[in-house]
């Protein structure tokens, strides 16, 4: 006990664990965004600004849609794992957010504002987990 602090006090998670909870919730939200974007691509191909040939990767909207739906489901599962403090989920979240940003970069011609928003949220998720990820483990 030095200066009124015990060793136990130094092992407690800081208030920054809120960033990890925020990242988990944002992963679930990004998953819902991906699913919505995917279902729109599958069922309403005329919604987008350009035809599928105007995208960075020339693939029809149905294929893009199912990729987005798959990413959406994956994001929700990983987000729940991050909220539970799972180390593998934190690693998966970083990988997912990077892949999500790349996929949205390829889809940016079809939905520019939506894609930029999702990319920005992906960057925040990566930051939160990489900088403060270990603190969530201390809380458990």
C-alpha atoms as a PDB file:
ATOM      1  CA  UNK A   1       0.000   0.000   0.000  1.00  0.00           C
ATOM      2  CA  UNK A   2       1.745   3.130  -1.206  1.00  0.00           C
ATOM      3  CA  UNK A   3       0.084   6.527  -1.261  1.00  0.00           C
ATOM      4  CA  UNK A   4      -3.307   5.108  -0.312  1.00  0.00           C
ATOM      5  CA  UNK A   5      -3.504   2.820  -3.361  1.00  0.00           C
ATOM      6  CA  UNK A   6      -3.354  -0.930  -3.125  1.00  0.00           C
ATOM      7  CA  UNK A   7      -2.093  -3.316  -5.766  1.00  0.00           C
ATOM      8  CA  UNK A   8      -5.692  -4.349  -6.339  1.00  0.00           C
ATOM      9  CA  UNK A   9      -6.606  -0.771  -7.351  1.00  0.00           C
ATOM     10  CA  UNK A  10      -4.074  -0.818 -10.187  1.00  0.00           C
ATOM     11  CA  UNK A  11      -5.597  -3.989 -11.630  1.00  0.00           C
ATOM     12  CA  UNK A  12      -9.072  -2.512 -12.063  1.00  0.00           C
ATOM     13  CA  UNK A  13     -10.164  -1.428 -15.451  1.00  0.00           C
ATOM     14  CA  UNK A  14     -10.318   2.279 -16.095  1.00  0.00           C
ATOM     15  CA  UNK A  15     -13.219   4.301 -17.378  1.00  0.00           C
ATOM     16  CA  UNK A  16     -11.866   3.694 -20.888  1.00  0.00           C
ATOM     17  CA  UNK A  17     -13.618   0.314 -20.923  1.00  0.00           C
ATOM     18  CA  UNK A  18     -16.596   2.331 -22.090  1.00  0.00           C
ATOM     19  CA  UNK A  19     -14.787   2.570 -25.431  1.00  0.00           C
ATOM     20  CA  UNK A  20     -14.846  -1.212 -25.732  1.00  0.00           C
ATOM     21  CA  UNK A  21     -18.551  -1.357 -24.904  1.00  0.00           C
ATOM     22  CA  UNK A  22     -19.083   1.424 -27.427  1.00  0.00           C
ATOM     23  CA  UNK A  23     -17.123  -0.567 -30.030  1.00  0.00           C
ATOM     24  CA  UNK A  24     -19.236  -3.667 -29.360  1.00  0.00           C
ATOM     25  CA  UNK A  25     -22.463  -1.719 -29.725  1.00  0.00           C
ATOM     26  CA  UNK A  26     -21.174  -0.004 -32.869  1.00  0.00           C
ATOM     27  CA  UNK A  27     -20.227  -3.402 -34.331  1.00  0.00           C
ATOM     28  CA  UNK A  28     -23.796  -4.551 -33.835  1.00  0.00           C
ATOM     29  CA  UNK A  29     -25.031  -1.309 -35.410  1.00  0.00           C
ATOM     30  CA  UNK A  30     -22.628  -1.672 -38.363  1.00  0.00           C
ATOM     31  CA  UNK A  31     -23.894  -5.232 -38.747  1.00  0.00           C
ATOM     32  CA  UNK A  32     -27.435  -3.935 -39.022  1.00  0.00           C
ATOM     33  CA  UNK A  33     -26.264  -1.312 -41.539  1.00  0.00           C
ATOM     34  CA  UNK A  34     -24.607  -4.032 -43.628  1.00  0.00           C
ATOM     35  CA  UNK A  35     -27.722  -6.209 -43.499  1.00  0.00           C
ATOM     36  CA  UNK A  36     -29.986  -3.337 -44.556  1.00  0.00           C
ATOM     37  CA  UNK A  37     -27.615  -2.376 -47.360  1.00  0.00           C
ATOM     38  CA  UNK A  38     -27.432  -6.013 -48.421  1.00  0.00           C
ATOM     39  CA  UNK A  39     -31.179  -6.564 -48.522  1.00  0.00           C
ATOM     40  CA  UNK A  40     -31.649  -3.347 -50.493  1.00  0.00           C
ATOM     41  CA  UNK A  41     -29.021  -4.555 -52.994  1.00  0.00           C
ATOM     42  CA  UNK A  42     -30.734  -7.931 -53.342  1.00  0.00           C
ATOM     43  CA  UNK A  43     -34.351  -6.732 -53.584  1.00  0.00           C
ATOM     44  CA  UNK A  44     -34.164  -3.211 -55.056  1.00  0.00           C
ATOM     45  CA  UNK A  45     -31.249  -2.939 -57.467  1.00  0.00           C
ATOM     46  CA  UNK A  46     -32.530   0.341 -58.948  1.00  0.00           C
ATOM     47  CA  UNK A  47     -32.075   2.135 -55.607  1.00  0.00           C
ATOM     48  CA  UNK A  48     -28.384   2.841 -56.110  1.00  0.00           C
ATOM     49  CA  UNK A  49     -26.752   5.817 -57.854  1.00  0.00           C
ATOM     50  CA  UNK A  50     -24.879   3.720 -60.418  1.00  0.00           C
ATOM     51  CA  UNK A  51     -25.366   0.406 -62.123  1.00  0.00           C
ATOM     52  CA  UNK A  52     -23.308  -2.516 -60.894  1.00  0.00           C
ATOM     53  CA  UNK A  53     -20.870  -1.928 -63.769  1.00  0.00           C
ATOM     54  CA  UNK A  54     -20.074   1.475 -62.243  1.00  0.00           C
ATOM     55  CA  UNK A  55     -18.733  -0.047 -59.029  1.00  0.00           C
ATOM     56  CA  UNK A  56     -15.049  -0.500 -58.268  1.00  0.00           C
ATOM     57  CA  UNK A  57     -15.531  -4.262 -58.483  1.00  0.00           C
ATOM     58  CA  UNK A  58     -17.828  -5.135 -61.377  1.00  0.00           C
ATOM     59  CA  UNK A  59     -20.144  -7.620 -59.642  1.00  0.00           C
ATOM     60  CA  UNK A  60     -23.927  -7.580 -59.777  1.00  0.00           C
ATOM     61  CA  UNK A  61     -25.872  -6.125 -56.881  1.00  0.00           C
ATOM     62  CA  UNK A  62     -27.239  -9.487 -55.764  1.00  0.00           C
ATOM     63  CA  UNK A  63     -23.702 -10.714 -55.053  1.00  0.00           C
ATOM     64  CA  UNK A  64     -22.830  -7.456 -53.276  1.00  0.00           C
ATOM     65  CA  UNK A  65     -26.049  -7.783 -51.301  1.00  0.00           C
ATOM     66  CA  UNK A  66     -25.320 -11.261 -50.004  1.00  0.00           C
ATOM     67  CA  UNK A  67     -21.772 -10.196 -49.081  1.00  0.00           C
ATOM     68  CA  UNK A  68     -23.242  -7.332 -47.056  1.00  0.00           C
ATOM     69  CA  UNK A  69     -25.819  -9.584 -45.381  1.00  0.00           C
ATOM     70  CA  UNK A  70     -23.076 -12.065 -44.438  1.00  0.00           C
ATOM     71  CA  UNK A  71     -20.911  -9.281 -43.066  1.00  0.00           C
ATOM     72  CA  UNK A  72     -23.893  -7.991 -41.117  1.00  0.00           C
ATOM     73  CA  UNK A  73     -24.512 -11.308 -39.400  1.00  0.00           C
ATOM     74  CA  UNK A  74     -20.804 -11.692 -38.666  1.00  0.00           C
ATOM     75  CA  UNK A  75     -20.620  -8.187 -37.185  1.00  0.00           C
ATOM     76  CA  UNK A  76     -23.519  -8.825 -34.822  1.00  0.00           C
ATOM     77  CA  UNK A  77     -21.929 -12.062 -33.569  1.00  0.00           C
ATOM     78  CA  UNK A  78     -18.537 -10.396 -33.096  1.00  0.00           C
ATOM     79  CA  UNK A  79     -20.146  -7.375 -31.419  1.00  0.00           C
ATOM     80  CA  UNK A  80     -21.845  -9.600 -28.852  1.00  0.00           C
ATOM     81  CA  UNK A  81     -18.489 -11.305 -28.226  1.00  0.00           C
ATOM     82  CA  UNK A  82     -16.751  -7.960 -27.723  1.00  0.00           C
ATOM     83  CA  UNK A  83     -19.406  -6.912 -25.211  1.00  0.00           C
ATOM     84  CA  UNK A  84     -18.718 -10.172 -23.382  1.00  0.00           C
ATOM     85  CA  UNK A  85     -14.996  -9.381 -23.161  1.00  0.00           C
ATOM     86  CA  UNK A  86     -13.892 -12.241 -25.422  1.00  0.00           C
ATOM     87  CA  UNK A  87     -10.293 -11.816 -26.626  1.00  0.00           C
ATOM     88  CA  UNK A  88     -10.922 -13.692 -29.880  1.00  0.00           C
ATOM     89  CA  UNK A  89     -13.906 -11.423 -30.556  1.00  0.00           C
ATOM     90  CA  UNK A  90     -11.698  -8.352 -30.094  1.00  0.00           C
ATOM     91  CA  UNK A  91      -9.221  -9.680 -32.648  1.00  0.00           C
ATOM     92  CA  UNK A  92     -12.095 -10.609 -34.953  1.00  0.00           C
ATOM     93  CA  UNK A  93     -13.568  -7.132 -34.521  1.00  0.00           C
ATOM     94  CA  UNK A  94     -10.377  -5.467 -35.724  1.00  0.00           C
ATOM     95  CA  UNK A  95     -10.180  -7.772 -38.736  1.00  0.00           C
ATOM     96  CA  UNK A  96     -13.900  -7.343 -39.447  1.00  0.00           C
ATOM     97  CA  UNK A  97     -13.741  -3.540 -39.245  1.00  0.00           C
ATOM     98  CA  UNK A  98     -10.807  -3.475 -41.683  1.00  0.00           C
ATOM     99  CA  UNK A  99     -12.636  -5.774 -44.134  1.00  0.00           C
ATOM    100  CA  UNK A 100     -15.837  -3.764 -43.714  1.00  0.00           C
ATOM    101  CA  UNK A 101     -14.004  -0.529 -44.544  1.00  0.00           C
ATOM    102  CA  UNK A 102     -12.498  -2.100 -47.676  1.00  0.00           C
ATOM    103  CA  UNK A 103     -15.864  -3.523 -48.804  1.00  0.00           C
ATOM    104  CA  UNK A 104     -17.535  -0.149 -48.291  1.00  0.00           C
ATOM    105  CA  UNK A 105     -14.738   1.537 -50.200  1.00  0.00           C
ATOM    106  CA  UNK A 106     -15.583  -0.757 -53.116  1.00  0.00           C
ATOM    107  CA  UNK A 107     -19.277   0.089 -52.734  1.00  0.00           C
ATOM    108  CA  UNK A 108     -18.754   3.854 -52.360  1.00  0.00           C
ATOM    109  CA  UNK A 109     -19.960   4.735 -55.877  1.00  0.00           C
ATOM    110  CA  UNK A 110     -23.379   3.235 -55.153  1.00  0.00           C
ATOM    111  CA  UNK A 111     -23.972   4.845 -51.740  1.00  0.00           C
ATOM    112  CA  UNK A 112     -21.328   7.500 -51.065  1.00  0.00           C
ATOM    113  CA  UNK A 113     -22.625   9.007 -47.820  1.00  0.00           C
ATOM    114  CA  UNK A 114     -23.661   5.680 -46.297  1.00  0.00           C
ATOM    115  CA  UNK A 115     -20.327   4.059 -47.173  1.00  0.00           C
ATOM    116  CA  UNK A 116     -18.307   6.961 -45.768  1.00  0.00           C
ATOM    117  CA  UNK A 117     -20.289   6.811 -42.519  1.00  0.00           C
ATOM    118  CA  UNK A 118     -19.690   3.080 -42.159  1.00  0.00           C
ATOM    119  CA  UNK A 119     -15.970   3.520 -42.922  1.00  0.00           C
ATOM    120  CA  UNK A 120     -15.749   6.231 -40.236  1.00  0.00           C
ATOM    121  CA  UNK A 121     -17.455   3.963 -37.688  1.00  0.00           C
ATOM    122  CA  UNK A 122     -15.078   1.126 -38.674  1.00  0.00           C
ATOM    123  CA  UNK A 123     -12.086   3.370 -37.959  1.00  0.00           C
ATOM    124  CA  UNK A 124     -13.521   4.289 -34.541  1.00  0.00           C
ATOM    125  CA  UNK A 125     -14.076   0.597 -33.758  1.00  0.00           C
ATOM    126  CA  UNK A 126     -10.481  -0.241 -34.669  1.00  0.00           C
ATOM    127  CA  UNK A 127      -9.191   2.636 -32.532  1.00  0.00           C
ATOM    128  CA  UNK A 128     -11.302   1.716 -29.506  1.00  0.00           C
ATOM    129  CA  UNK A 129     -10.332  -1.928 -29.516  1.00  0.00           C
ATOM    130  CA  UNK A 130      -6.650  -1.511 -30.351  1.00  0.00           C
ATOM    131  CA  UNK A 131      -6.012   1.217 -27.794  1.00  0.00           C
ATOM    132  CA  UNK A 132      -8.279   0.122 -24.943  1.00  0.00           C
ATOM    133  CA  UNK A 133      -9.031  -3.560 -25.643  1.00  0.00           C
ATOM    134  CA  UNK A 134      -6.973  -5.035 -22.823  1.00  0.00           C
ATOM    135  CA  UNK A 135      -8.822  -3.028 -20.198  1.00  0.00           C
ATOM    136  CA  UNK A 136     -12.052  -4.932 -20.844  1.00  0.00           C
ATOM    137  CA  UNK A 137     -10.260  -8.156 -19.968  1.00  0.00           C
ATOM    138  CA  UNK A 138      -9.190  -6.678 -16.599  1.00  0.00           C
ATOM    139  CA  UNK A 139     -12.779  -5.860 -15.758  1.00  0.00           C
ATOM    140  CA  UNK A 140     -13.861  -9.520 -15.905  1.00  0.00           C
END
